[in-house]
Amino acid sequence: MGGTLPQGPRAPQRAVMPLTTRLDGCGP
C-alpha cells in the first residue's frame, strides 16, 4: 500500500482499480 507516493494521476486510480496497485508494485 503506497499512499504517499509521487504519483498524482495514479493515486486516485489506485483506490478505483486495485489492479494498478499490483502493476505499480504497491499492492496489498
N, C-alpha and C. Protein backbone atom coordinates (compact mmCIF):
# COMPACT_ATOMS: atom_id res chain seq x y z
N MET A 1 0.84 -1.21 0.00
CA MET A 1 0.00 0.00 0.00
C MET A 1 0.87 1.25 0.00
N GLY A 2 0.75 2.08 -1.01
CA GLY A 2 1.56 3.31 -1.05
C GLY A 2 0.68 4.52 -1.29
N GLY A 3 0.39 5.28 -0.24
CA GLY A 3 -0.49 6.45 -0.40
C GLY A 3 0.34 7.71 -0.52
N THR A 4 1.60 7.65 -0.07
CA THR A 4 2.42 8.86 -0.11
C THR A 4 3.46 8.74 -1.22
N LEU A 5 3.01 8.28 -2.38
CA LEU A 5 3.95 8.14 -3.50
C LEU A 5 3.85 9.35 -4.42
N PRO A 6 4.93 9.63 -5.14
CA PRO A 6 4.97 10.78 -6.05
C PRO A 6 4.19 10.51 -7.33
N GLN A 7 3.02 9.91 -7.19
CA GLN A 7 2.22 9.60 -8.38
C GLN A 7 0.85 10.26 -8.26
N GLY A 8 0.73 11.44 -8.81
CA GLY A 8 -0.53 12.19 -8.70
C GLY A 8 -1.68 11.51 -9.45
N PRO A 9 -1.53 11.34 -10.76
CA PRO A 9 -2.60 10.77 -11.59
C PRO A 9 -2.84 9.29 -11.28
N ARG A 10 -1.91 8.68 -10.57
CA ARG A 10 -2.07 7.26 -10.27
C ARG A 10 -2.65 7.05 -8.88
N ALA A 11 -2.52 8.04 -8.03
CA ALA A 11 -3.02 7.91 -6.65
C ALA A 11 -4.53 7.66 -6.62
N PRO A 12 -5.32 8.49 -7.31
CA PRO A 12 -6.78 8.32 -7.30
C PRO A 12 -7.21 7.03 -8.00
N GLN A 13 -6.46 6.61 -9.00
CA GLN A 13 -6.81 5.38 -9.72
C GLN A 13 -6.59 4.15 -8.84
N ARG A 14 -5.64 4.27 -7.92
CA ARG A 14 -5.30 3.14 -7.04
C ARG A 14 -6.55 2.72 -6.26
N ALA A 15 -7.31 3.69 -5.77
CA ALA A 15 -8.50 3.37 -4.95
C ALA A 15 -9.61 2.79 -5.83
N VAL A 16 -9.60 3.19 -7.11
CA VAL A 16 -10.67 2.73 -8.00
C VAL A 16 -10.32 1.38 -8.61
N MET A 17 -9.06 1.23 -9.01
CA MET A 17 -8.65 -0.03 -9.64
C MET A 17 -7.52 -0.69 -8.85
N PRO A 18 -7.80 -1.77 -8.17
CA PRO A 18 -6.80 -2.49 -7.38
C PRO A 18 -5.77 -3.20 -8.26
N LEU A 19 -6.03 -3.22 -9.56
CA LEU A 19 -5.10 -3.88 -10.48
C LEU A 19 -3.87 -3.01 -10.70
N THR A 20 -4.07 -1.70 -10.69
CA THR A 20 -2.95 -0.78 -10.92
C THR A 20 -1.96 -0.88 -9.77
N THR A 21 -2.44 -1.15 -8.58
CA THR A 21 -1.56 -1.23 -7.42
C THR A 21 -0.56 -2.36 -7.61
N ARG A 22 -1.01 -3.47 -8.15
CA ARG A 22 -0.13 -4.61 -8.35
C ARG A 22 0.87 -4.31 -9.47
N LEU A 23 0.44 -3.59 -10.49
CA LEU A 23 1.33 -3.26 -11.60
C LEU A 23 2.41 -2.29 -11.14
N ASP A 24 2.04 -1.38 -10.24
CA ASP A 24 3.00 -0.39 -9.75
C ASP A 24 3.92 -1.01 -8.71
N GLY A 25 3.54 -2.15 -8.18
CA GLY A 25 4.36 -2.77 -7.15
C GLY A 25 3.95 -2.33 -5.76
N CYS A 26 2.78 -1.74 -5.66
CA CYS A 26 2.31 -1.27 -4.34
C CYS A 26 0.98 -1.93 -4.01
N GLY A 27 0.94 -3.23 -4.18
CA GLY A 27 -0.29 -3.97 -3.91
C GLY A 27 -0.56 -4.09 -2.42
N PRO A 28 -1.48 -4.94 -2.05
CA PRO A 28 -1.89 -5.13 -0.66
C PRO A 28 -0.79 -5.76 0.19
